[in-house]
Amino acid sequence: MSNKIIELDNRGLEPPQPMMRTLQALEDSEVGDQVKIHNDRLPMFLIEELQRLGYPYQVEHQADGSARVTIDKTNSSAPNNGE
């Protein structure tokens, strides 16, 4: 099994689309995969949800004010994961 990297460019989307797209990608991914997103700004509500779900993440602030977030799917305890 090889781990996947799912990349989402959420820039230009109106809330709640970036968060919904990101959570859907996490739900559809397998343990060991990474979801990398690029948002117009730091996604505070998403960060809170990632903490609640227990997914580790790294934030890279960009010079233009946008943010890149790398999320590791390390568990299968998120709701609605089909298991």
Protein backbone atom coordinates (compact mmCIF):
# COMPACT_ATOMS: atom_id res chain seq x y z
CA MET A 1 0.00 0.00 0.00
CA SER A 2 1.47 3.36 -0.96
CA ASN A 3 0.46 6.54 0.77
CA LYS A 4 -1.18 9.25 -1.29
CA ILE A 5 -0.81 13.01 -1.20
CA ILE A 6 -4.04 14.82 -1.96
CA GLU A 7 -3.57 18.49 -2.87
CA LEU A 8 -6.42 21.00 -2.77
CA ASP A 9 -6.20 24.63 -3.87
CA ASN A 10 -8.98 26.24 -1.87
CA ARG A 11 -8.04 29.82 -2.72
CA GLY A 12 -10.89 31.95 -4.01
CA LEU A 13 -13.59 29.74 -2.49
CA GLU A 14 -16.14 31.20 -0.09
CA PRO A 15 -16.65 29.62 3.34
CA PRO A 16 -17.57 26.95 4.16
CA GLN A 17 -16.35 25.37 0.90
CA PRO A 18 -12.62 25.12 1.82
CA MET A 19 -13.40 23.37 5.10
CA MET A 20 -15.98 21.07 3.52
CA ARG A 21 -13.61 20.10 0.69
CA THR A 22 -10.77 19.44 3.12
CA LEU A 23 -12.84 17.33 5.53
CA GLN A 24 -14.25 15.35 2.58
CA ALA A 25 -10.73 14.66 1.31
CA LEU A 26 -9.74 13.43 4.78
CA GLU A 27 -12.81 11.24 4.97
CA ASP A 28 -12.05 9.74 1.54
CA SER A 29 -8.34 9.18 2.27
CA GLU A 30 -6.66 6.24 3.95
CA VAL A 31 -4.58 6.18 7.13
CA GLY A 32 -1.06 7.27 6.15
CA ASP A 33 -2.22 9.65 3.41
CA GLN A 34 -1.60 13.39 3.52
CA VAL A 35 -3.96 16.17 2.53
CA LYS A 36 -2.23 19.41 1.55
CA ILE A 37 -4.35 22.51 1.21
CA HIS A 38 -3.68 26.08 0.11
CA ASN A 39 -6.15 28.60 1.54
CA ASP A 40 -6.51 32.38 1.21
CA ARG A 41 -5.91 32.69 4.95
CA LEU A 42 -5.28 30.54 8.01
CA PRO A 43 -8.34 28.26 8.33
CA MET A 44 -9.04 28.73 12.04
CA PHE A 45 -12.28 26.70 12.14
CA LEU A 46 -10.61 23.86 10.25
CA ILE A 47 -7.65 23.92 12.66
CA GLU A 48 -10.08 23.56 15.58
CA GLU A 49 -11.77 20.63 13.85
CA LEU A 50 -8.43 18.94 13.10
CA GLN A 51 -7.51 19.23 16.77
CA ARG A 52 -10.87 17.76 17.76
CA LEU A 53 -10.42 14.85 15.33
CA GLY A 54 -6.81 14.27 16.40
CA TYR A 55 -5.17 14.84 13.01
CA PRO A 56 -1.64 16.28 13.17
CA TYR A 57 -1.02 19.22 10.87
CA GLN A 58 1.66 21.72 9.92
CA VAL A 59 0.96 25.31 8.85
CA GLU A 60 3.16 27.28 6.46
CA HIS A 61 2.29 30.98 6.32
CA GLN A 62 2.90 32.44 2.86
CA ALA A 63 4.23 35.92 2.06
CA ASP A 64 0.96 36.85 0.33
CA GLY A 65 -1.06 36.15 3.50
CA SER A 66 -2.30 32.76 2.34
CA ALA A 67 -1.62 29.55 4.26
CA ARG A 68 -0.58 26.06 3.27
CA VAL A 69 -1.61 23.31 5.67
CA THR A 70 -0.39 19.71 5.54
CA ILE A 71 -2.63 17.26 7.37
CA ASP A 72 -1.61 13.70 8.20
CA LYS A 73 -4.35 11.11 8.34
CA THR A 74 -3.03 9.09 11.24
CA ASN A 75 -6.16 7.42 12.54
CA SER A 76 -9.48 6.09 11.40
CA SER A 77 -11.54 7.45 14.28
CA ALA A 78 -13.06 10.34 12.34
CA PRO A 79 -16.84 10.15 11.98
CA ASN A 80 -18.36 8.59 8.88
CA ASN A 81 -15.20 6.84 7.75
CA GLY A 82 -17.10 3.75 6.71
CA GLU A 83 -15.49 1.38 9.20
